[in-house]
Amino acid sequence: MAVIIKYIVERKGVEKMTFTSKKEADAYDKMLDSADQLAEFLSESSVTLDDQQLEELGLYLASNKEMVQSLFKGNSFVSGAQDAPESE
């Protein structure tokens, strides 16, 4: 019999994702925390978005953190290169 350890990321009583690595689960949980904070920040702006749009936009920005940071550093956006931001 094998023993398998699984790490489950849960938000508001809903299972979001299951991982076999605590490090991956913690990273995903942190990304979800960032998405929540971004959605809250955006909700205070003059841009009119419903709750679903705020959640989706916050999640998109958080999951593309490296690209967003690269853009704030003045690097150019390269379509299709979301996984590999330009180096300085």
PDB file of N, CA and C in Angstrom:
ATOM      1  N   MET A   1       0.845  -1.182   0.000  1.00  0.00           N
ATOM      2  CA  MET A   1       0.000   0.000   0.000  1.00  0.00           C
ATOM      3  C   MET A   1       0.889   1.243   0.000  1.00  0.00           C
ATOM      4  N   ALA A   2       0.555   2.186  -0.836  1.00  0.00           N
ATOM      5  CA  ALA A   2       1.315   3.430  -0.941  1.00  0.00           C
ATOM      6  C   ALA A   2       0.613   4.536  -0.157  1.00  0.00           C
ATOM      7  N   VAL A   3       1.427   5.368   0.413  1.00  0.00           N
ATOM      8  CA  VAL A   3       0.915   6.545   1.105  1.00  0.00           C
ATOM      9  C   VAL A   3       1.186   7.745   0.212  1.00  0.00           C
ATOM     10  N   ILE A   4       0.131   8.475  -0.110  1.00  0.00           N
ATOM     11  CA  ILE A   4       0.254   9.643  -0.977  1.00  0.00           C
ATOM     12  C   ILE A   4      -0.197  10.872  -0.199  1.00  0.00           C
ATOM     13  N   ILE A   5       0.675  11.854  -0.166  1.00  0.00           N
ATOM     14  CA  ILE A   5       0.346  13.112   0.506  1.00  0.00           C
ATOM     15  C   ILE A   5      -0.103  14.105  -0.552  1.00  0.00           C
ATOM     16  N   LYS A   6      -1.251  14.710  -0.305  1.00  0.00           N
ATOM     17  CA  LYS A   6      -1.782  15.713  -1.225  1.00  0.00           C
ATOM     18  C   LYS A   6      -2.029  17.003  -0.455  1.00  0.00           C
ATOM     19  N   TYR A   7      -1.709  18.099  -1.101  1.00  0.00           N
ATOM     20  CA  TYR A   7      -1.934  19.424  -0.544  1.00  0.00           C
ATOM     21  C   TYR A   7      -3.060  20.065  -1.343  1.00  0.00           C
ATOM     22  N   ILE A   8      -4.107  20.448  -0.644  1.00  0.00           N
ATOM     23  CA  ILE A   8      -5.291  21.000  -1.296  1.00  0.00           C
ATOM     24  C   ILE A   8      -5.393  22.482  -0.957  1.00  0.00           C
ATOM     25  N   VAL A   9      -5.513  23.294  -1.995  1.00  0.00           N
ATOM     26  CA  VAL A   9      -5.716  24.729  -1.818  1.00  0.00           C
ATOM     27  C   VAL A   9      -7.211  24.970  -1.887  1.00  0.00           C
ATOM     28  N   GLU A  10      -7.734  25.575  -0.819  1.00  0.00           N
ATOM     29  CA  GLU A  10      -9.176  25.797  -0.699  1.00  0.00           C
ATOM     30  C   GLU A  10      -9.424  27.277  -0.458  1.00  0.00           C
ATOM     31  N   ARG A  11     -10.445  27.801  -1.114  1.00  0.00           N
ATOM     32  CA  ARG A  11     -10.859  29.195  -0.929  1.00  0.00           C
ATOM     33  C   ARG A  11     -12.359  29.251  -0.714  1.00  0.00           C
ATOM     34  N   LYS A  12     -12.766  29.886   0.362  1.00  0.00           N
ATOM     35  CA  LYS A  12     -14.187  30.075   0.666  1.00  0.00           C
ATOM     36  C   LYS A  12     -14.951  28.759   0.598  1.00  0.00           C
ATOM     37  N   GLY A  13     -14.325  27.693   1.117  1.00  0.00           N
ATOM     38  CA  GLY A  13     -14.971  26.387   1.153  1.00  0.00           C
ATOM     39  C   GLY A  13     -14.952  25.621  -0.154  1.00  0.00           C
ATOM     40  N   VAL A  14     -14.275  26.160  -1.172  1.00  0.00           N
ATOM     41  CA  VAL A  14     -14.234  25.514  -2.482  1.00  0.00           C
ATOM     42  C   VAL A  14     -12.803  25.051  -2.758  1.00  0.00           C
ATOM     43  N   GLU A  15     -12.673  23.779  -3.130  1.00  0.00           N
ATOM     44  CA  GLU A  15     -11.362  23.242  -3.477  1.00  0.00           C
ATOM     45  C   GLU A  15     -10.940  23.813  -4.825  1.00  0.00           C
ATOM     46  N   LYS A  16      -9.798  24.507  -4.832  1.00  0.00           N
ATOM     47  CA  LYS A  16      -9.323  25.157  -6.051  1.00  0.00           C
ATOM     48  C   LYS A  16      -8.350  24.291  -6.834  1.00  0.00           C
ATOM     49  N   MET A  17      -7.407  23.642  -6.118  1.00  0.00           N
ATOM     50  CA  MET A  17      -6.388  22.870  -6.805  1.00  0.00           C
ATOM     51  C   MET A  17      -5.746  21.916  -5.805  1.00  0.00           C
ATOM     52  N   THR A  18      -5.257  20.786  -6.317  1.00  0.00           N
ATOM     53  CA  THR A  18      -4.572  19.799  -5.500  1.00  0.00           C
ATOM     54  C   THR A  18      -3.147  19.639  -6.009  1.00  0.00           C
ATOM     55  N   PHE A  19      -2.203  19.572  -5.076  1.00  0.00           N
ATOM     56  CA  PHE A  19      -0.788  19.452  -5.411  1.00  0.00           C
ATOM     57  C   PHE A  19      -0.161  18.314  -4.627  1.00  0.00           C
ATOM     58  N   THR A  20       0.936  17.784  -5.137  1.00  0.00           N
ATOM     59  CA  THR A  20       1.700  16.776  -4.409  1.00  0.00           C
ATOM     60  C   THR A  20       2.881  17.413  -3.697  1.00  0.00           C
ATOM     61  N   SER A  21       3.140  18.683  -3.964  1.00  0.00           N
ATOM     62  CA  SER A  21       4.250  19.407  -3.362  1.00  0.00           C
ATOM     63  C   SER A  21       3.717  20.572  -2.528  1.00  0.00           C
ATOM     64  N   LYS A  22       4.191  20.671  -1.289  1.00  0.00           N
ATOM     65  CA  LYS A  22       3.792  21.778  -0.424  1.00  0.00           C
ATOM     66  C   LYS A  22       4.251  23.110  -1.020  1.00  0.00           C
ATOM     67  N   LYS A  23       5.437  23.123  -1.626  1.00  0.00           N
ATOM     68  CA  LYS A  23       5.970  24.348  -2.225  1.00  0.00           C
ATOM     69  C   LYS A  23       5.055  24.854  -3.339  1.00  0.00           C
ATOM     70  N   GLU A  24       4.588  23.958  -4.202  1.00  0.00           N
ATOM     71  CA  GLU A  24       3.677  24.354  -5.284  1.00  0.00           C
ATOM     72  C   GLU A  24       2.342  24.835  -4.736  1.00  0.00           C
ATOM     73  N   ALA A  25       1.836  24.144  -3.713  1.00  0.00           N
ATOM     74  CA  ALA A  25       0.558  24.538  -3.098  1.00  0.00           C
ATOM     75  C   ALA A  25       0.675  25.918  -2.466  1.00  0.00           C
ATOM     76  N   ASP A  26       1.787  26.165  -1.765  1.00  0.00           N
ATOM     77  CA  ASP A  26       1.992  27.476  -1.146  1.00  0.00           C
ATOM     78  C   ASP A  26       2.110  28.579  -2.195  1.00  0.00           C
ATOM     79  N   ALA A  27       2.804  28.298  -3.295  1.00  0.00           N
ATOM     80  CA  ALA A  27       2.947  29.287  -4.368  1.00  0.00           C
ATOM     81  C   ALA A  27       1.590  29.607  -4.989  1.00  0.00           C
ATOM     82  N   TYR A  28       0.765  28.594  -5.204  1.00  0.00           N
ATOM     83  CA  TYR A  28      -0.564  28.806  -5.782  1.00  0.00           C
ATOM     84  C   TYR A  28      -1.450  29.589  -4.813  1.00  0.00           C
ATOM     85  N   ASP A  29      -1.363  29.252  -3.530  1.00  0.00           N
ATOM     86  CA  ASP A  29      -2.137  29.960  -2.508  1.00  0.00           C
ATOM     87  C   ASP A  29      -1.725  31.434  -2.452  1.00  0.00           C
ATOM     88  N   LYS A  30      -0.434  31.683  -2.551  1.00  0.00           N
ATOM     89  CA  LYS A  30       0.065  33.065  -2.549  1.00  0.00           C
ATOM     90  C   LYS A  30      -0.436  33.817  -3.779  1.00  0.00           C
ATOM     91  N   MET A  31      -0.459  33.147  -4.932  1.00  0.00           N
ATOM     92  CA  MET A  31      -0.961  33.772  -6.155  1.00  0.00           C
ATOM     93  C   MET A  31      -2.444  34.124  -5.994  1.00  0.00           C
ATOM     94  N   LEU A  32      -3.219  33.233  -5.358  1.00  0.00           N
ATOM     95  CA  LEU A  32      -4.638  33.519  -5.116  1.00  0.00           C
ATOM     96  C   LEU A  32      -4.805  34.695  -4.152  1.00  0.00           C
ATOM     97  N   ASP A  33      -3.934  34.782  -3.130  1.00  0.00           N
ATOM     98  CA  ASP A  33      -3.965  35.932  -2.215  1.00  0.00           C
ATOM     99  C   ASP A  33      -3.713  37.230  -2.983  1.00  0.00           C
ATOM    100  N   SER A  34      -2.724  37.201  -3.869  1.00  0.00           N
ATOM    101  CA  SER A  34      -2.419  38.386  -4.680  1.00  0.00           C
ATOM    102  C   SER A  34      -3.596  38.749  -5.576  1.00  0.00           C
ATOM    103  N   ALA A  35      -4.228  37.746  -6.161  1.00  0.00           N
ATOM    104  CA  ALA A  35      -5.391  37.988  -7.025  1.00  0.00           C
ATOM    105  C   ALA A  35      -6.512  38.646  -6.238  1.00  0.00           C
ATOM    106  N   ASP A  36      -6.754  38.186  -5.015  1.00  0.00           N
ATOM    107  CA  ASP A  36      -7.786  38.798  -4.165  1.00  0.00           C
ATOM    108  C   ASP A  36      -7.459  40.256  -3.866  1.00  0.00           C
ATOM    109  N   GLN A  37      -6.189  40.533  -3.562  1.00  0.00           N
ATOM    110  CA  GLN A  37      -5.774  41.900  -3.260  1.00  0.00           C
ATOM    111  C   GLN A  37      -5.888  42.798  -4.486  1.00  0.00           C
ATOM    112  N   LEU A  38      -5.505  42.278  -5.652  1.00  0.00           N
ATOM    113  CA  LEU A  38      -5.632  43.054  -6.887  1.00  0.00           C
ATOM    114  C   LEU A  38      -7.095  43.345  -7.203  1.00  0.00           C
ATOM    115  N   ALA A  39      -7.966  42.369  -7.016  1.00  0.00           N
ATOM    116  CA  ALA A  39      -9.394  42.576  -7.273  1.00  0.00           C
ATOM    117  C   ALA A  39      -9.955  43.641  -6.337  1.00  0.00           C
ATOM    118  N   GLU A  40      -9.537  43.597  -5.075  1.00  0.00           N
ATOM    119  CA  GLU A  40      -9.993  44.609  -4.115  1.00  0.00           C
ATOM    120  C   GLU A  40      -9.484  45.996  -4.516  1.00  0.00           C
ATOM    121  N   PHE A  41      -8.229  46.076  -4.920  1.00  0.00           N
ATOM    122  CA  PHE A  41      -7.647  47.331  -5.382  1.00  0.00           C
ATOM    123  C   PHE A  41      -8.412  47.876  -6.588  1.00  0.00           C
ATOM    124  N   LEU A  42      -8.678  47.008  -7.560  1.00  0.00           N
ATOM    125  CA  LEU A  42      -9.399  47.419  -8.766  1.00  0.00           C
ATOM    126  C   LEU A  42     -10.831  47.845  -8.462  1.00  0.00           C
ATOM    127  N   SER A  43     -11.441  47.248  -7.454  1.00  0.00           N
ATOM    128  CA  SER A  43     -12.819  47.610  -7.110  1.00  0.00           C
ATOM    129  C   SER A  43     -12.925  49.038  -6.597  1.00  0.00           C
ATOM    130  N   GLU A  44     -11.813  49.583  -6.105  1.00  0.00           N
ATOM    131  CA  GLU A  44     -11.792  50.958  -5.599  1.00  0.00           C
ATOM    132  C   GLU A  44     -11.501  51.976  -6.708  1.00  0.00           C
ATOM    133  N   SER A  45     -11.225  51.491  -7.923  1.00  0.00           N
ATOM    134  CA  SER A  45     -10.886  52.396  -9.016  1.00  0.00           C
ATOM    135  C   SER A  45     -12.151  52.946  -9.679  1.00  0.00           C
ATOM    136  N   SER A  46     -11.951  53.849 -10.625  1.00  0.00           N
ATOM    137  CA  SER A  46     -13.080  54.424 -11.349  1.00  0.00           C
ATOM    138  C   SER A  46     -13.553  53.508 -12.477  1.00  0.00           C
ATOM    139  N   VAL A  47     -12.845  52.411 -12.715  1.00  0.00           N
ATOM    140  CA  VAL A  47     -13.234  51.452 -13.747  1.00  0.00           C
ATOM    141  C   VAL A  47     -14.411  50.634 -13.226  1.00  0.00           C
ATOM    142  N   THR A  48     -15.465  50.533 -14.011  1.00  0.00           N
ATOM    143  CA  THR A  48     -16.659  49.808 -13.600  1.00  0.00           C
ATOM    144  C   THR A  48     -16.584  48.363 -14.075  1.00  0.00           C
ATOM    145  N   LEU A  49     -16.438  47.460 -13.109  1.00  0.00           N
ATOM    146  CA  LEU A  49     -16.391  46.027 -13.391  1.00  0.00           C
ATOM    147  C   LEU A  49     -17.279  45.309 -12.390  1.00  0.00           C
ATOM    148  N   ASP A  50     -17.936  44.233 -12.846  1.00  0.00           N
ATOM    149  CA  ASP A  50     -18.719  43.452 -11.889  1.00  0.00           C
ATOM    150  C   ASP A  50     -17.780  42.529 -11.111  1.00  0.00           C
ATOM    151  N   ASP A  51     -18.301  41.867 -10.088  1.00  0.00           N
ATOM    152  CA  ASP A  51     -17.479  41.035  -9.214  1.00  0.00           C
ATOM    153  C   ASP A  51     -16.747  39.927  -9.971  1.00  0.00           C
ATOM    154  N   GLN A  52     -17.411  39.314 -10.940  1.00  0.00           N
ATOM    155  CA  GLN A  52     -16.788  38.250 -11.731  1.00  0.00           C
ATOM    156  C   GLN A  52     -15.608  38.785 -12.534  1.00  0.00           C
ATOM    157  N   GLN A  53     -15.792  39.944 -13.147  1.00  0.00           N
ATOM    158  CA  GLN A  53     -14.721  40.555 -13.933  1.00  0.00           C
ATOM    159  C   GLN A  53     -13.544  40.952 -13.038  1.00  0.00           C
ATOM    160  N   LEU A  54     -13.846  41.493 -11.858  1.00  0.00           N
ATOM    161  CA  LEU A  54     -12.784  41.852 -10.915  1.00  0.00           C
ATOM    162  C   LEU A  54     -11.974  40.625 -10.523  1.00  0.00           C
ATOM    163  N   GLU A  55     -12.671  39.534 -10.231  1.00  0.00           N
ATOM    164  CA  GLU A  55     -11.999  38.296  -9.839  1.00  0.00           C
ATOM    165  C   GLU A  55     -11.132  37.756 -10.984  1.00  0.00           C
ATOM    166  N   GLU A  56     -11.684  37.735 -12.193  1.00  0.00           N
ATOM    167  CA  GLU A  56     -10.941  37.226 -13.349  1.00  0.00           C
ATOM    168  C   GLU A  56      -9.725  38.099 -13.669  1.00  0.00           C
ATOM    169  N   LEU A  57      -9.896  39.414 -13.612  1.00  0.00           N
ATOM    170  CA  LEU A  57      -8.789  40.315 -13.904  1.00  0.00           C
ATOM    171  C   LEU A  57      -7.710  40.204 -12.833  1.00  0.00           C
ATOM    172  N   GLY A  58      -8.114  40.144 -11.586  1.00  0.00           N
ATOM    173  CA  GLY A  58      -7.147  39.973 -10.497  1.00  0.00           C
ATOM    174  C   GLY A  58      -6.364  38.682 -10.642  1.00  0.00           C
ATOM    175  N   LEU A  59      -7.053  37.594 -10.992  1.00  0.00           N
ATOM    176  CA  LEU A  59      -6.401  36.304 -11.183  1.00  0.00           C
ATOM    177  C   LEU A  59      -5.460  36.340 -12.382  1.00  0.00           C
ATOM    178  N   TYR A  60      -5.879  36.982 -13.462  1.00  0.00           N
ATOM    179  CA  TYR A  60      -5.035  37.099 -14.657  1.00  0.00           C
ATOM    180  C   TYR A  60      -3.753  37.867 -14.350  1.00  0.00           C
ATOM    181  N   LEU A  61      -3.898  39.010 -13.681  1.00  0.00           N
ATOM    182  CA  LEU A  61      -2.722  39.809 -13.352  1.00  0.00           C
ATOM    183  C   LEU A  61      -1.782  39.066 -12.405  1.00  0.00           C
ATOM    184  N   ALA A  62      -2.360  38.403 -11.396  1.00  0.00           N
ATOM    185  CA  ALA A  62      -1.530  37.671 -10.436  1.00  0.00           C
ATOM    186  C   ALA A  62      -0.827  36.483 -11.084  1.00  0.00           C
ATOM    187  N   SER A  63      -1.501  35.801 -11.987  1.00  0.00           N
ATOM    188  CA  SER A  63      -0.885  34.639 -12.629  1.00  0.00           C
ATOM    189  C   SER A  63       0.143  35.041 -13.687  1.00  0.00           C
ATOM    190  N   ASN A  64       0.149  36.311 -14.074  1.00  0.00           N
ATOM    191  CA  ASN A  64       1.135  36.835 -15.025  1.00  0.00           C
ATOM    192  C   ASN A  64       2.012  37.897 -14.365  1.00  0.00           C
ATOM    193  N   LYS A  65       2.290  37.673 -13.092  1.00  0.00           N
ATOM    194  CA  LYS A  65       3.030  38.627 -12.277  1.00  0.00           C
ATOM    195  C   LYS A  65       4.361  39.043 -12.905  1.00  0.00           C
ATOM    196  N   GLU A  66       5.117  38.077 -13.417  1.00  0.00           N
ATOM    197  CA  GLU A  66       6.426  38.392 -13.978  1.00  0.00           C
ATOM    198  C   GLU A  66       6.306  39.330 -15.182  1.00  0.00           C
ATOM    199  N   MET A  67       5.327  39.085 -16.033  1.00  0.00           N
ATOM    200  CA  MET A  67       5.139  39.943 -17.206  1.00  0.00           C
ATOM    201  C   MET A  67       4.702  41.352 -16.780  1.00  0.00           C
ATOM    202  N   VAL A  68       3.796  41.433 -15.818  1.00  0.00           N
ATOM    203  CA  VAL A  68       3.334  42.742 -15.342  1.00  0.00           C
ATOM    204  C   VAL A  68       4.501  43.514 -14.736  1.00  0.00           C
ATOM    205  N   GLN A  69       5.321  42.838 -13.924  1.00  0.00           N
ATOM    206  CA  GLN A  69       6.484  43.502 -13.339  1.00  0.00           C
ATOM    207  C   GLN A  69       7.449  43.969 -14.423  1.00  0.00           C
ATOM    208  N   SER A  70       7.642  43.150 -15.442  1.00  0.00           N
ATOM    209  CA  SER A  70       8.518  43.506 -16.553  1.00  0.00           C
ATOM    210  C   SER A  70       8.010  44.745 -17.282  1.00  0.00           C
ATOM    211  N   LEU A  71       6.701  44.824 -17.476  1.00  0.00           N
ATOM    212  CA  LEU A  71       6.111  45.980 -18.147  1.00  0.00           C
ATOM    213  C   LEU A  71       6.296  47.251 -17.324  1.00  0.00           C
ATOM    214  N   PHE A  72       6.161  47.139 -15.993  1.00  0.00           N
ATOM    215  CA  PHE A  72       6.367  48.299 -15.130  1.00  0.00           C
ATOM    216  C   PHE A  72       7.824  48.758 -15.131  1.00  0.00           C
ATOM    217  N   LYS A  73       8.730  47.853 -15.467  1.00  0.00           N
ATOM    218  CA  LYS A  73      10.148  48.212 -15.565  1.00  0.00           C
ATOM    219  C   LYS A  73      10.469  48.867 -16.900  1.00  0.00           C
ATOM    220  N   GLY A  74       9.480  48.965 -17.775  1.00  0.00           N
ATOM    221  CA  GLY A  74       9.674  49.635 -19.051  1.00  0.00           C
ATOM    222  C   GLY A  74       9.966  48.703 -20.209  1.00  0.00           C
ATOM    223  N   ASN A  75       9.929  47.399 -19.973  1.00  0.00           N
ATOM    224  CA  ASN A  75      10.154  46.446 -21.059  1.00  0.00           C
ATOM    225  C   ASN A  75       8.939  46.391 -21.967  1.00  0.00           C
ATOM    226  N   SER A  76       9.152  46.012 -23.203  1.00  0.00           N
ATOM    227  CA  SER A  76       8.078  45.924 -24.182  1.00  0.00           C
ATOM    228  C   SER A  76       7.307  44.621 -24.032  1.00  0.00           C
ATOM    229  N   PHE A  77       6.035  44.681 -24.337  1.00  0.00           N
ATOM    230  CA  PHE A  77       5.210  43.471 -24.346  1.00  0.00           C
ATOM    231  C   PHE A  77       5.430  42.745 -25.658  1.00  0.00           C
ATOM    232  N   VAL A  78       5.673  41.465 -25.563  1.00  0.00           N
ATOM    233  CA  VAL A  78       5.825  40.621 -26.747  1.00  0.00           C
ATOM    234  C   VAL A  78       4.702  39.601 -26.702  1.00  0.00           C
ATOM    235  N   SER A  79       3.793  39.672 -27.657  1.00  0.00           N
ATOM    236  CA  SER A  79       2.647  38.764 -27.689  1.00  0.00           C
ATOM    237  C   SER A  79       3.107  37.308 -27.728  1.00  0.00           C
ATOM    238  N   GLY A  80       2.482  36.503 -26.895  1.00  0.00           N
ATOM    239  CA  GLY A  80       2.827  35.084 -26.838  1.00  0.00           C
ATOM    240  C   GLY A  80       4.026  34.781 -25.961  1.00  0.00           C
ATOM    241  N   ALA A  81       4.633  35.777 -25.370  1.00  0.00           N
ATOM    242  CA  ALA A  81       5.809  35.571 -24.535  1.00  0.00           C
ATOM    243  C   ALA A  81       5.491  35.763 -23.059  1.00  0.00           C
ATOM    244  N   GLN A  82       4.277  35.439 -22.665  1.00  0.00           N
ATOM    245  CA  GLN A  82       3.849  35.687 -21.293  1.00  0.00           C
ATOM    246  C   GLN A  82       4.625  34.877 -20.274  1.00  0.00           C
ATOM    247  N   ASP A  83       5.204  33.742 -20.663  1.00  0.00           N
ATOM    248  CA  ASP A  83       5.952  32.929 -19.726  1.00  0.00           C
ATOM    249  C   ASP A  83       7.401  33.377 -19.591  1.00  0.00           C
ATOM    250  N   ALA A  84       7.862  34.220 -20.505  1.00  0.00           N
ATOM    251  CA  ALA A  84       9.266  34.632 -20.488  1.00  0.00           C
ATOM    252  C   ALA A  84       9.390  36.127 -20.713  1.00  0.00           C
ATOM    253  N   PRO A  85       9.309  36.928 -19.619  1.00  0.00           N
ATOM    254  CA  PRO A  85       9.439  38.371 -19.772  1.00  0.00           C
ATOM    255  C   PRO A  85      10.844  38.720 -20.244  1.00  0.00           C
ATOM    256  N   GLU A  86      10.924  39.845 -20.961  1.00  0.00           N
ATOM    257  CA  GLU A  86      12.220  40.310 -21.450  1.00  0.00           C
ATOM    258  C   GLU A  86      13.142  40.616 -20.289  1.00  0.00           C
ATOM    259  N   SER A  87      14.420  40.369 -20.477  1.00  0.00           N
ATOM    260  CA  SER A  87      15.392  40.736 -19.448  1.00  0.00           C
ATOM    261  C   SER A  87      15.822  42.172 -19.667  1.00  0.00           C
ATOM    262  N   GLU A  88      16.322  42.760 -18.598  1.00  0.00           N
ATOM    263  CA  GLU A  88      16.747  44.160 -18.684  1.00  0.00           C
ATOM    264  C   GLU A  88      18.103  44.270 -19.319  1.00  0.00           C
TER     265      GLU A  88
END
